[in-house]
Amino acid sequence: MQAQMEEVDISEFTVPRAWRLVHTGNVQGGKEECVIRFQGVLSVKQLPPVKAVNISRFSSCQIRQMQQAVTLTGLNTGSFKSGVENIRKMWVFFASQLPDDKLDIWEPSAFNNMEVVDFHAQYFTDRWDAPQEDSIPLGLLMDPHGVLEAVARADEFFHGPDNHVEYRALSAIEGVKKYIEFDPGQFCVGDIVEIQALFVCIPVANTCFKMMPIMRALTQLDKMFQQATIVSRLQAASAHTTKQQTTLKTLKHKKAYTKEDEDVENAWSSLGDLQIGDRDIKMT
C-alpha cells in the first residue's frame, strides 16, 4: 500500500461492536469514517422507492432485512479486476487487526463468468443499537408514498446515518460538471455508476468476523452501456441478491459529496483505484 494508508487506521466501536476504517488525522468532533469510491456497471439493483405494501404486518426480522442493494460489474475489464484486488487488500488490512483466522475470506460474487461486487445498506437500525443516534428524514424521492416512514415513526426502528444513502447523477450543463440529486427509481441496469461505501467488519457466528461493503452514496455517471445486448447480459442475474446486513455507530459520518467533488474526472478513470476521503489510495 502506498503512503496514504498511513493516514488511515482501523478502530473498534462497541455500540454495536464493529471495526471500521477511520482517518487518523486531526478531525474535529471525533473520528471520521473513511469513504471508499468504486466504479462499475450497474448489473443488479434493489432500490427505492418501496412499493406500497402492508409493512405494518412485517415481523421485526423482516424489517431488519429490508435493504437498498446494488451489484456492480466491470464486464471483465482489467481496471475493474484491479479494483476487486484492492478490496482483497482491504480485507488483508482488516485481517491484520483481528484475531488470527477469525475473519471470513472476502471474495467477489460472480455470474456469467464475470466478477461482481455487492453493496447494500439496511433501511432501518434497531433503536436499542443506537439510542442516542439522530434519525434522518427519508425524503420524497426515497419514500414518495410514506411506506417506509410508517416504520421509521415506530419506537423500535429508525432511519439513521448508517442507513442513509445519497442518490446522485453527474450533470454537465454548459461544460460545468456537478452532482445533482437523483431519483433512485431512475437508475437502470447498464448505467456506469460510482459507489461511495464503507468497508466494515462485524462479529458473526462462532466468534468469527465478516467484512461488509456498506453503501453511502450511489451516483449515475453515464448511460453508455444501456444497449440491448449489454442489458440482456446483465439482467441474466436479476435473481442475484445480497443477504448481508449490519448496523454501525458512534463516529462522525462523512458527507458523500461536497463542493470539492464537483470537478469530476472521466467516468472510468479511477475504476481500478480505491479513494478514501479526498485522497486516492492505490494499493500495489
Protein backbone atom coordinates (compact mmCIF):
# COMPACT_ATOMS: atom_id res chain seq x y z
CA MET A 1 0.00 0.00 0.00
CA GLN A 2 1.20 3.47 -0.72
CA ALA A 3 1.98 6.05 1.91
CA GLN A 4 -1.54 7.46 2.03
CA MET A 5 -2.62 4.41 4.02
CA GLU A 6 -0.59 5.82 6.91
CA GLU A 7 -3.40 8.34 7.34
CA VAL A 8 -5.97 5.56 7.79
CA ASP A 9 -6.48 3.22 10.71
CA ILE A 10 -8.95 0.60 11.92
CA SER A 11 -10.89 1.42 15.07
CA GLU A 12 -13.15 -0.79 17.16
CA PHE A 13 -16.58 0.55 18.13
CA THR A 14 -18.68 -1.04 20.82
CA VAL A 15 -22.28 0.12 20.23
CA PRO A 16 -22.70 -2.14 18.39
CA ARG A 17 -19.37 -3.95 18.15
CA ALA A 18 -17.69 -3.31 14.79
CA TRP A 19 -14.36 -2.43 13.22
CA ARG A 20 -14.19 0.25 10.57
CA LEU A 21 -11.73 2.47 8.70
CA VAL A 22 -11.21 5.96 10.13
CA HIS A 23 -8.96 8.90 9.35
CA THR A 24 -6.06 9.24 11.76
CA GLY A 25 -5.54 12.95 11.03
CA ASN A 26 -6.98 15.84 13.01
CA VAL A 27 -10.77 15.65 12.64
CA GLN A 28 -12.99 17.98 14.63
CA GLY A 29 -15.78 16.25 16.51
CA GLY A 30 -14.04 12.87 16.86
CA LYS A 31 -13.00 10.16 14.43
CA GLU A 32 -14.29 10.41 10.86
CA GLU A 33 -15.21 7.38 8.80
CA CYS A 34 -13.32 6.66 5.57
CA VAL A 35 -15.47 6.55 2.47
CA ILE A 36 -14.21 4.46 -0.43
CA ARG A 37 -15.17 5.09 -4.05
CA PHE A 38 -15.67 2.25 -6.51
CA GLN A 39 -16.91 2.46 -10.10
CA GLY A 40 -18.54 -0.09 -12.37
CA VAL A 41 -21.58 -1.01 -14.44
CA LEU A 42 -24.87 -1.49 -12.61
CA SER A 43 -25.91 -5.10 -13.18
CA VAL A 44 -28.48 -5.76 -10.44
CA LYS A 45 -30.44 -3.24 -8.37
CA GLN A 46 -32.85 -3.24 -5.45
CA LEU A 47 -33.50 0.45 -4.87
CA PRO A 48 -36.21 2.79 -3.58
CA PRO A 49 -38.99 3.58 -3.77
CA VAL A 50 -40.51 0.62 -1.94
CA LYS A 51 -43.82 -0.42 -3.40
CA ALA A 52 -46.91 0.15 -1.30
CA VAL A 53 -47.02 -2.99 0.82
CA ASN A 54 -48.52 -3.52 4.25
CA ILE A 55 -45.29 -3.18 6.22
CA SER A 56 -47.32 -2.98 9.41
CA ARG A 57 -47.72 -6.73 9.13
CA PHE A 58 -43.97 -7.35 8.77
CA SER A 59 -42.18 -9.04 11.65
CA SER A 60 -39.22 -7.29 13.26
CA CYS A 61 -36.92 -9.74 11.47
CA GLN A 62 -38.43 -8.84 8.08
CA ILE A 63 -37.99 -5.12 8.76
CA ARG A 64 -34.33 -5.65 9.68
CA GLN A 65 -33.76 -7.45 6.38
CA MET A 66 -35.17 -4.63 4.22
CA GLN A 67 -32.30 -3.12 2.28
CA GLN A 68 -31.11 -0.99 -0.61
CA ALA A 69 -28.70 -3.06 -2.70
CA VAL A 70 -26.78 -2.99 -5.97
CA THR A 71 -24.34 -5.24 -7.78
CA LEU A 72 -21.57 -3.81 -9.96
CA THR A 73 -19.58 -5.47 -12.70
CA GLY A 74 -16.72 -4.31 -14.91
CA LEU A 75 -17.60 -6.68 -17.79
CA ASN A 76 -14.23 -8.38 -17.16
CA THR A 77 -12.23 -5.18 -17.78
CA GLY A 78 -8.75 -5.03 -16.29
CA SER A 79 -9.50 -1.85 -14.36
CA PHE A 80 -12.45 -3.44 -12.56
CA LYS A 81 -10.37 -6.50 -11.74
CA SER A 82 -7.77 -4.18 -10.23
CA GLY A 83 -10.49 -2.64 -8.08
CA VAL A 84 -11.51 -6.10 -6.87
CA GLU A 85 -7.89 -6.83 -5.97
CA ASN A 86 -7.82 -3.60 -3.99
CA ILE A 87 -10.82 -4.77 -1.98
CA ARG A 88 -8.98 -8.02 -1.25
CA LYS A 89 -6.08 -5.94 0.04
CA MET A 90 -8.53 -4.04 2.21
CA TRP A 91 -9.53 -7.42 3.64
CA VAL A 92 -5.87 -8.12 4.42
CA PHE A 93 -5.66 -4.77 6.21
CA PHE A 94 -8.62 -5.74 8.40
CA ALA A 95 -7.33 -9.26 8.95
CA SER A 96 -4.08 -7.88 10.36
CA GLN A 97 -6.04 -6.19 13.16
CA LEU A 98 -8.31 -9.10 14.12
CA PRO A 99 -7.59 -12.47 15.78
CA ASP A 100 -5.84 -14.97 13.51
CA ASP A 101 -8.09 -16.87 11.10
CA LYS A 102 -11.25 -15.26 12.50
CA LEU A 103 -12.10 -13.01 9.54
CA ASP A 104 -14.16 -14.74 6.85
CA ILE A 105 -12.44 -14.56 3.49
CA TRP A 106 -13.95 -11.95 1.19
CA GLU A 107 -14.44 -12.89 -2.46
CA PRO A 108 -16.46 -11.17 -5.19
CA SER A 109 -19.64 -12.78 -6.39
CA ALA A 110 -19.92 -13.98 -9.97
CA PHE A 111 -22.39 -14.50 -12.77
CA ASN A 112 -21.96 -15.27 -16.47
CA ASN A 113 -18.23 -15.80 -15.76
CA MET A 114 -17.87 -12.18 -14.62
CA GLU A 115 -16.74 -10.92 -11.23
CA VAL A 116 -19.26 -8.66 -9.50
CA VAL A 117 -19.24 -6.76 -6.20
CA ASP A 118 -22.31 -6.43 -3.99
CA PHE A 119 -23.09 -3.33 -1.91
CA HIS A 120 -26.05 -2.72 0.38
CA ALA A 121 -27.49 -0.62 3.20
CA GLN A 122 -30.31 -1.60 5.53
CA TYR A 123 -33.29 0.75 5.54
CA PHE A 124 -33.51 0.75 9.33
CA THR A 125 -31.48 0.40 12.52
CA ASP A 126 -32.79 -1.03 15.78
CA ARG A 127 -33.25 1.87 18.19
CA TRP A 128 -31.64 -0.12 21.02
CA ASP A 129 -28.46 -0.39 18.92
CA ALA A 130 -28.07 3.38 18.81
CA PRO A 131 -30.23 5.05 21.46
CA GLN A 132 -28.58 8.47 21.02
CA GLU A 133 -28.32 8.49 17.21
CA ASP A 134 -30.43 11.05 15.33
CA SER A 135 -32.88 9.88 12.70
CA ILE A 136 -32.67 11.19 9.12
CA PRO A 137 -35.76 12.08 7.08
CA LEU A 138 -36.34 9.64 4.23
CA GLY A 139 -37.45 12.30 1.75
CA LEU A 140 -39.97 12.23 -1.09
CA LEU A 141 -37.64 10.73 -3.71
CA MET A 142 -36.81 7.78 -1.50
CA ASP A 143 -40.25 7.30 0.07
CA PRO A 144 -42.88 9.12 -2.04
CA HIS A 145 -45.79 7.14 -0.60
CA GLY A 146 -44.73 7.17 3.06
CA VAL A 147 -44.35 3.37 3.11
CA LEU A 148 -41.04 3.49 4.98
CA GLU A 149 -41.90 6.50 7.12
CA ALA A 150 -44.60 4.42 8.80
CA VAL A 151 -41.87 2.14 10.16
CA ALA A 152 -39.44 4.95 10.99
CA ARG A 153 -42.04 6.56 13.26
CA ALA A 154 -42.16 3.47 15.46
CA ASP A 155 -40.08 3.24 18.63
CA GLU A 156 -38.32 0.03 17.58
CA PHE A 157 -36.61 1.19 14.36
CA PHE A 158 -35.28 4.40 12.82
CA HIS A 159 -33.59 5.51 9.59
CA GLY A 160 -30.18 6.81 10.67
CA PRO A 161 -26.76 7.74 9.26
CA ASP A 162 -25.78 4.11 8.66
CA ASN A 163 -28.97 3.53 6.67
CA HIS A 164 -28.99 6.72 4.63
CA VAL A 165 -27.83 6.56 1.00
CA GLU A 166 -27.41 9.66 -1.15
CA TYR A 167 -28.58 9.22 -4.74
CA ARG A 168 -26.94 11.49 -7.31
CA ALA A 169 -26.32 11.91 -11.03
CA LEU A 170 -23.39 13.56 -12.77
CA SER A 171 -24.69 16.55 -14.70
CA ALA A 172 -22.80 18.61 -17.28
CA ILE A 173 -24.51 21.92 -18.04
CA GLU A 174 -22.61 24.44 -20.21
CA GLY A 175 -19.43 22.49 -19.60
CA VAL A 176 -19.75 22.60 -15.81
CA LYS A 177 -19.88 19.17 -14.16
CA LYS A 178 -21.64 18.75 -10.85
CA TYR A 179 -23.53 16.19 -8.81
CA ILE A 180 -27.29 16.68 -8.62
CA GLU A 181 -29.96 14.93 -6.55
CA PHE A 182 -31.36 11.97 -8.48
CA ASP A 183 -34.47 9.80 -8.22
CA PRO A 184 -33.24 6.31 -7.16
CA GLY A 185 -36.07 4.79 -9.18
CA GLN A 186 -34.41 6.14 -12.36
CA PHE A 187 -31.23 4.06 -12.09
CA CYS A 188 -31.12 1.42 -14.83
CA VAL A 189 -29.20 -1.77 -15.45
CA GLY A 190 -26.30 -0.77 -17.70
CA ASP A 191 -25.61 2.60 -16.05
CA ILE A 192 -21.99 3.39 -15.26
CA VAL A 193 -22.12 4.32 -11.59
CA GLU A 194 -19.91 5.27 -8.69
CA ILE A 195 -20.46 3.79 -5.24
CA GLN A 196 -19.27 5.50 -2.10
CA ALA A 197 -19.05 2.81 0.55
CA LEU A 198 -17.77 1.87 3.96
CA PHE A 199 -15.90 -1.38 4.45
CA VAL A 200 -16.52 -2.57 7.99
CA CYS A 201 -16.12 -5.79 9.93
CA ILE A 202 -18.79 -7.14 12.25
CA PRO A 203 -18.89 -10.21 14.51
CA VAL A 204 -20.84 -13.17 13.18
CA ALA A 205 -21.41 -16.74 14.39
CA ASN A 206 -18.72 -18.88 16.04
CA THR A 207 -16.63 -15.90 17.22
CA CYS A 208 -15.75 -15.03 13.61
CA PHE A 209 -15.97 -11.73 11.73
CA LYS A 210 -17.15 -10.65 8.30
CA MET A 211 -16.11 -7.70 6.12
CA MET A 212 -19.14 -5.89 4.73
CA PRO A 213 -19.35 -3.24 1.94
CA ILE A 214 -21.99 -0.71 3.04
CA MET A 215 -23.47 1.85 0.63
CA ARG A 216 -23.28 5.54 1.49
CA ALA A 217 -23.93 7.03 -1.97
CA LEU A 218 -24.76 5.92 -5.50
CA THR A 219 -24.14 8.20 -8.48
CA GLN A 220 -25.08 7.74 -12.11
CA LEU A 221 -22.05 8.78 -14.18
CA ASP A 222 -23.04 7.67 -17.68
CA LYS A 223 -25.67 5.62 -19.53
CA MET A 224 -23.37 4.44 -22.32
CA PHE A 225 -23.92 0.73 -21.63
CA GLN A 226 -27.71 0.88 -21.91
CA GLN A 227 -27.76 -1.12 -25.13
CA ALA A 228 -29.99 -4.14 -25.64
CA THR A 229 -27.21 -6.72 -25.85
CA ILE A 230 -25.42 -5.45 -22.72
CA VAL A 231 -28.59 -5.05 -20.68
CA SER A 232 -29.72 -8.55 -21.63
CA ARG A 233 -26.40 -9.95 -20.46
CA LEU A 234 -26.58 -8.12 -17.15
CA GLN A 235 -30.21 -8.99 -16.48
CA ALA A 236 -29.32 -12.68 -16.63
CA ALA A 237 -28.50 -12.39 -12.92
CA SER A 238 -31.59 -10.47 -11.85
CA ALA A 239 -32.30 -13.06 -9.15
CA HIS A 240 -28.95 -12.36 -7.50
CA THR A 241 -29.47 -10.71 -4.10
CA THR A 242 -27.35 -9.63 -1.15
CA LYS A 243 -28.27 -11.08 2.24
CA GLN A 244 -25.65 -9.35 4.37
CA GLN A 245 -26.64 -6.78 6.95
CA THR A 246 -25.00 -4.56 9.56
CA THR A 247 -25.53 -1.54 11.76
CA LEU A 248 -22.58 0.62 12.77
CA LYS A 249 -22.45 3.59 15.13
CA THR A 250 -20.56 6.12 17.23
CA LEU A 251 -18.40 8.16 14.88
CA LYS A 252 -18.52 11.22 12.65
CA HIS A 253 -20.23 10.45 9.33
CA LYS A 254 -18.64 11.95 6.23
CA LYS A 255 -20.90 13.78 3.76
CA ALA A 256 -20.91 11.88 0.49
CA TYR A 257 -20.46 14.85 -1.87
CA THR A 258 -19.01 18.28 -1.18
CA LYS A 259 -18.05 21.33 -3.26
CA GLU A 260 -14.59 19.85 -3.79
CA ASP A 261 -16.13 16.86 -5.57
CA GLU A 262 -17.72 18.89 -8.38
CA ASP A 263 -14.58 18.71 -10.51
CA VAL A 264 -15.16 15.19 -11.79
CA GLU A 265 -12.80 13.08 -13.88
CA ASN A 266 -13.75 10.67 -16.67
CA ALA A 267 -16.22 8.01 -15.54
CA TRP A 268 -13.74 5.17 -15.98
CA SER A 269 -10.57 6.98 -14.91
CA SER A 270 -10.39 5.68 -11.33
CA LEU A 271 -12.26 2.40 -11.71
CA GLY A 272 -9.17 0.48 -10.62
CA ASP A 273 -8.49 2.68 -7.60
CA LEU A 274 -9.96 2.98 -4.14
CA GLN A 275 -10.44 6.54 -2.96
CA ILE A 276 -10.58 7.33 0.73
CA GLY A 277 -11.92 10.77 1.58
CA ASP A 278 -10.35 13.18 -0.89
CA ARG A 279 -7.25 11.03 -1.37
CA ASP A 280 -6.68 8.25 -3.89
CA ILE A 281 -5.35 5.04 -2.41
CA LYS A 282 -3.77 2.77 -4.99
CA MET A 283 -2.74 -0.45 -3.33
CA THR A 284 0.18 -2.19 -5.00
